[in-house]
Every structure is written in structure tokens, then in C-alpha cells.
Amino acid sequence: MPRRVLLRSIGVCSAVGIAGCLSQGEARSITVYNYRDEMVTVDMRVVDVGSGDVAIDTEFSIDPDGKKVFGDIFERDGEKKITVSVPGVGSEEKTWSASSDPKTSGQLGISIRENVEIREGSG
């Protein structure tokens, strides 16, 4: 087998393996998108409904058209309650099932535009 064919095969197999790992790594994640023309400050709190444990309680800023990703932040699957507040924009609260199974809705997307919108799924 020529060296180029072998190296190409290894590269393709590696890319497929990495792609699978990346999609699994995004499970139970939260991505906050700022679609406004100015920087925003976000206050976010995430609580495990069953145990009451606080997974996130933070304040952070996002540049215009920027995003912030919180990776696999939960130790276990289950119902989570998220509260997001952006001064001058609004706030929203949602309960969702965080799951490490990529076939379920383990991801949460938060869009900041004229208001705050929380939805299951990414993007």
C-alpha cells in the first residue's frame, strides 16, 4: 500500500474518531449567545432539581456577537433549573433534562437579543 494512501486512511479514521468524541463532549452543556450590538453582562444560576446542588452561580460578560460555552458541567443526568438575567434586557427561567446521551436534549442554548430566550438544543 503506498504511503500516501495509508496516511490518508489514518487521517480519515482519526477525524471520524475525533468527531464522535466532540459530539459526546458537548452533552450536558450550555451555550450563551449575545446577538446584540453591545457587550452584555449575564447572571446565570443552574441548580440540580433533585438534590438542590448548585452547578453554576456566576456573572460574566459577552462581547457583541460573541458566545460563552459551559462544557460538561454536571456530574449526573437529570432535571436542572436554569435562571438567566441580563440587566436592561430581561430574565428567563427554565427546567430541562440534562443528559449525556447525544440522542436526547442534553444541550441548552441561550439567546440574548431584545429579550432572553432559553431553548433546548445548541445553535
C-alpha atoms as a PDB file:
ATOM      1  CA  MET A   1       0.000   0.000   0.000  1.00  0.00           C
ATOM      2  CA  PRO A   2       1.504   3.372  -0.969  1.00  0.00           C
ATOM      3  CA  ARG A   3       2.449   5.639   1.904  1.00  0.00           C
ATOM      4  CA  ARG A   4       0.031   8.429   0.854  1.00  0.00           C
ATOM      5  CA  VAL A   5      -2.949   6.060   0.808  1.00  0.00           C
ATOM      6  CA  LEU A   6      -2.013   4.735   4.241  1.00  0.00           C
ATOM      7  CA  LEU A   7      -1.604   8.225   5.717  1.00  0.00           C
ATOM      8  CA  ARG A   8      -4.874   9.404   4.155  1.00  0.00           C
ATOM      9  CA  SER A   9      -6.695   6.390   5.655  1.00  0.00           C
ATOM     10  CA  ILE A  10      -5.231   7.092   9.081  1.00  0.00           C
ATOM     11  CA  GLY A  11      -6.254  10.744   8.811  1.00  0.00           C
ATOM     12  CA  VAL A  12      -9.841   9.902   7.859  1.00  0.00           C
ATOM     13  CA  CYS A  13     -10.179   7.378  10.692  1.00  0.00           C
ATOM     14  CA  SER A  14      -8.741   9.878  13.175  1.00  0.00           C
ATOM     15  CA  ALA A  15     -11.124  12.613  12.030  1.00  0.00           C
ATOM     16  CA  VAL A  16     -14.128  10.314  12.418  1.00  0.00           C
ATOM     17  CA  GLY A  17     -12.985   9.282  15.893  1.00  0.00           C
ATOM     18  CA  ILE A  18     -12.420  12.861  16.984  1.00  0.00           C
ATOM     19  CA  ALA A  19     -15.808  13.956  15.619  1.00  0.00           C
ATOM     20  CA  GLY A  20     -17.503  11.307  17.731  1.00  0.00           C
ATOM     21  CA  CYS A  21     -15.656  12.469  20.834  1.00  0.00           C
ATOM     22  CA  LEU A  22     -16.544  16.101  20.222  1.00  0.00           C
ATOM     23  CA  SER A  23     -20.248  15.429  19.901  1.00  0.00           C
ATOM     24  CA  GLN A  24     -20.180  13.388  23.119  1.00  0.00           C
ATOM     25  CA  GLY A  25     -18.209  16.130  24.889  1.00  0.00           C
ATOM     26  CA  GLU A  26     -20.931  18.676  24.196  1.00  0.00           C
ATOM     27  CA  ALA A  27     -23.521  16.696  26.139  1.00  0.00           C
ATOM     28  CA  ARG A  28     -24.953  18.447  29.193  1.00  0.00           C
ATOM     29  CA  SER A  29     -23.618  21.794  28.021  1.00  0.00           C
ATOM     30  CA  ILE A  30     -24.913  25.358  27.958  1.00  0.00           C
ATOM     31  CA  THR A  31     -24.021  27.915  25.284  1.00  0.00           C
ATOM     32  CA  VAL A  32     -24.921  31.592  25.728  1.00  0.00           C
ATOM     33  CA  TYR A  33     -25.092  33.697  22.534  1.00  0.00           C
ATOM     34  CA  ASN A  34     -25.072  37.516  22.513  1.00  0.00           C
ATOM     35  CA  TYR A  35     -26.756  38.733  19.314  1.00  0.00           C
ATOM     36  CA  ARG A  36     -26.858  42.356  20.492  1.00  0.00           C
ATOM     37  CA  ASP A  37     -24.633  45.175  19.225  1.00  0.00           C
ATOM     38  CA  GLU A  38     -23.204  45.831  22.676  1.00  0.00           C
ATOM     39  CA  MET A  39     -21.485  43.845  25.399  1.00  0.00           C
ATOM     40  CA  VAL A  40     -23.875  42.289  27.916  1.00  0.00           C
ATOM     41  CA  THR A  41     -23.440  41.116  31.490  1.00  0.00           C
ATOM     42  CA  VAL A  42     -25.157  37.830  32.254  1.00  0.00           C
ATOM     43  CA  ASP A  43     -26.107  36.465  35.673  1.00  0.00           C
ATOM     44  CA  MET A  44     -26.682  32.701  35.442  1.00  0.00           C
ATOM     45  CA  ARG A  45     -27.601  30.104  38.035  1.00  0.00           C
ATOM     46  CA  VAL A  46     -28.108  26.369  37.411  1.00  0.00           C
ATOM     47  CA  VAL A  47     -29.461  24.062  40.116  1.00  0.00           C
ATOM     48  CA  ASP A  48     -29.968  20.282  40.147  1.00  0.00           C
ATOM     49  CA  VAL A  49     -33.705  19.938  40.883  1.00  0.00           C
ATOM     50  CA  GLY A  50     -33.388  16.572  42.646  1.00  0.00           C
ATOM     51  CA  SER A  51     -30.525  17.363  45.012  1.00  0.00           C
ATOM     52  CA  GLY A  52     -30.628  21.155  45.178  1.00  0.00           C
ATOM     53  CA  ASP A  53     -26.902  21.251  44.362  1.00  0.00           C
ATOM     54  CA  VAL A  54     -25.777  24.416  42.584  1.00  0.00           C
ATOM     55  CA  ALA A  55     -23.855  23.592  39.391  1.00  0.00           C
ATOM     56  CA  ILE A  56     -23.298  27.202  38.275  1.00  0.00           C
ATOM     57  CA  ASP A  57     -23.773  30.541  40.006  1.00  0.00           C
ATOM     58  CA  THR A  58     -21.821  33.107  38.026  1.00  0.00           C
ATOM     59  CA  GLU A  59     -21.793  36.515  36.388  1.00  0.00           C
ATOM     60  CA  PHE A  60     -19.907  37.045  33.127  1.00  0.00           C
ATOM     61  CA  SER A  61     -19.726  39.386  30.134  1.00  0.00           C
ATOM     62  CA  ILE A  62     -20.076  38.521  26.451  1.00  0.00           C
ATOM     63  CA  ASP A  63     -18.881  40.734  23.592  1.00  0.00           C
ATOM     64  CA  PRO A  64     -21.253  41.717  20.761  1.00  0.00           C
ATOM     65  CA  ASP A  65     -21.985  38.697  18.530  1.00  0.00           C
ATOM     66  CA  GLY A  66     -19.985  36.554  20.943  1.00  0.00           C
ATOM     67  CA  LYS A  67     -20.708  33.393  22.873  1.00  0.00           C
ATOM     68  CA  LYS A  68     -19.680  31.606  26.055  1.00  0.00           C
ATOM     69  CA  VAL A  69     -19.764  27.829  26.395  1.00  0.00           C
ATOM     70  CA  PHE A  70     -20.094  25.919  29.633  1.00  0.00           C
ATOM     71  CA  GLY A  71     -18.989  22.364  28.881  1.00  0.00           C
ATOM     72  CA  ASP A  72     -19.990  19.122  30.564  1.00  0.00           C
ATOM     73  CA  ILE A  73     -20.730  20.777  33.906  1.00  0.00           C
ATOM     74  CA  PHE A  74     -22.996  18.237  35.580  1.00  0.00           C
ATOM     75  CA  GLU A  75     -21.880  15.141  37.431  1.00  0.00           C
ATOM     76  CA  ARG A  76     -25.126  13.333  36.630  1.00  0.00           C
ATOM     77  CA  ASP A  77     -28.093  13.450  34.274  1.00  0.00           C
ATOM     78  CA  GLY A  78     -31.459  14.759  35.430  1.00  0.00           C
ATOM     79  CA  GLU A  79     -33.708  17.777  35.810  1.00  0.00           C
ATOM     80  CA  LYS A  80     -31.870  21.101  36.014  1.00  0.00           C
ATOM     81  CA  LYS A  81     -33.348  24.546  36.634  1.00  0.00           C
ATOM     82  CA  ILE A  82     -31.619  27.487  34.981  1.00  0.00           C
ATOM     83  CA  THR A  83     -32.205  31.154  35.709  1.00  0.00           C
ATOM     84  CA  VAL A  84     -30.657  33.759  33.396  1.00  0.00           C
ATOM     85  CA  SER A  85     -30.812  37.512  33.925  1.00  0.00           C
ATOM     86  CA  VAL A  86     -29.376  40.287  31.747  1.00  0.00           C
ATOM     87  CA  PRO A  87     -29.716  43.852  33.126  1.00  0.00           C
ATOM     88  CA  GLY A  88     -31.642  46.084  30.735  1.00  0.00           C
ATOM     89  CA  VAL A  89     -32.750  43.099  28.634  1.00  0.00           C
ATOM     90  CA  GLY A  90     -34.726  40.725  30.855  1.00  0.00           C
ATOM     91  CA  SER A  91     -34.639  37.354  32.523  1.00  0.00           C
ATOM     92  CA  GLU A  92     -35.934  33.845  31.964  1.00  0.00           C
ATOM     93  CA  GLU A  93     -36.128  30.575  33.845  1.00  0.00           C
ATOM     94  CA  LYS A  94     -36.417  27.025  32.508  1.00  0.00           C
ATOM     95  CA  THR A  95     -36.280  23.459  33.761  1.00  0.00           C
ATOM     96  CA  TRP A  96     -34.830  20.853  31.406  1.00  0.00           C
ATOM     97  CA  SER A  97     -33.451  17.329  31.399  1.00  0.00           C
ATOM     98  CA  ALA A  98     -29.679  17.399  31.104  1.00  0.00           C
ATOM     99  CA  SER A  99     -28.475  14.129  29.612  1.00  0.00           C
ATOM    100  CA  SER A 100     -25.148  12.721  28.473  1.00  0.00           C
ATOM    101  CA  ASP A 101     -26.985  10.736  25.771  1.00  0.00           C
ATOM    102  CA  PRO A 102     -26.448  12.619  22.472  1.00  0.00           C
ATOM    103  CA  LYS A 103     -29.870  11.412  21.249  1.00  0.00           C
ATOM    104  CA  THR A 104     -31.667  13.381  23.973  1.00  0.00           C
ATOM    105  CA  SER A 105     -31.730  17.057  24.777  1.00  0.00           C
ATOM    106  CA  GLY A 106     -28.636  17.436  26.887  1.00  0.00           C
ATOM    107  CA  GLN A 107     -27.701  20.804  25.418  1.00  0.00           C
ATOM    108  CA  LEU A 108     -29.182  24.181  26.195  1.00  0.00           C
ATOM    109  CA  GLY A 109     -28.879  27.339  24.093  1.00  0.00           C
ATOM    110  CA  ILE A 110     -29.482  30.830  25.473  1.00  0.00           C
ATOM    111  CA  SER A 111     -30.010  33.686  23.008  1.00  0.00           C
ATOM    112  CA  ILE A 112     -29.760  37.314  24.055  1.00  0.00           C
ATOM    113  CA  ARG A 113     -31.459  39.661  21.609  1.00  0.00           C
ATOM    114  CA  GLU A 114     -34.271  42.073  22.553  1.00  0.00           C
ATOM    115  CA  ASN A 115     -35.015  39.590  25.342  1.00  0.00           C
ATOM    116  CA  VAL A 116     -33.562  36.408  26.839  1.00  0.00           C
ATOM    117  CA  GLU A 117     -34.616  33.102  25.251  1.00  0.00           C
ATOM    118  CA  ILE A 118     -33.693  29.674  26.618  1.00  0.00           C
ATOM    119  CA  ARG A 119     -34.180  26.662  24.334  1.00  0.00           C
ATOM    120  CA  GLU A 120     -33.161  23.030  24.302  1.00  0.00           C
ATOM    121  CA  GLY A 121     -30.523  22.102  21.748  1.00  0.00           C
ATOM    122  CA  SER A 122     -27.487  24.017  20.548  1.00  0.00           C
ATOM    123  CA  GLY A 123     -27.142  26.780  17.995  1.00  0.00           C
END
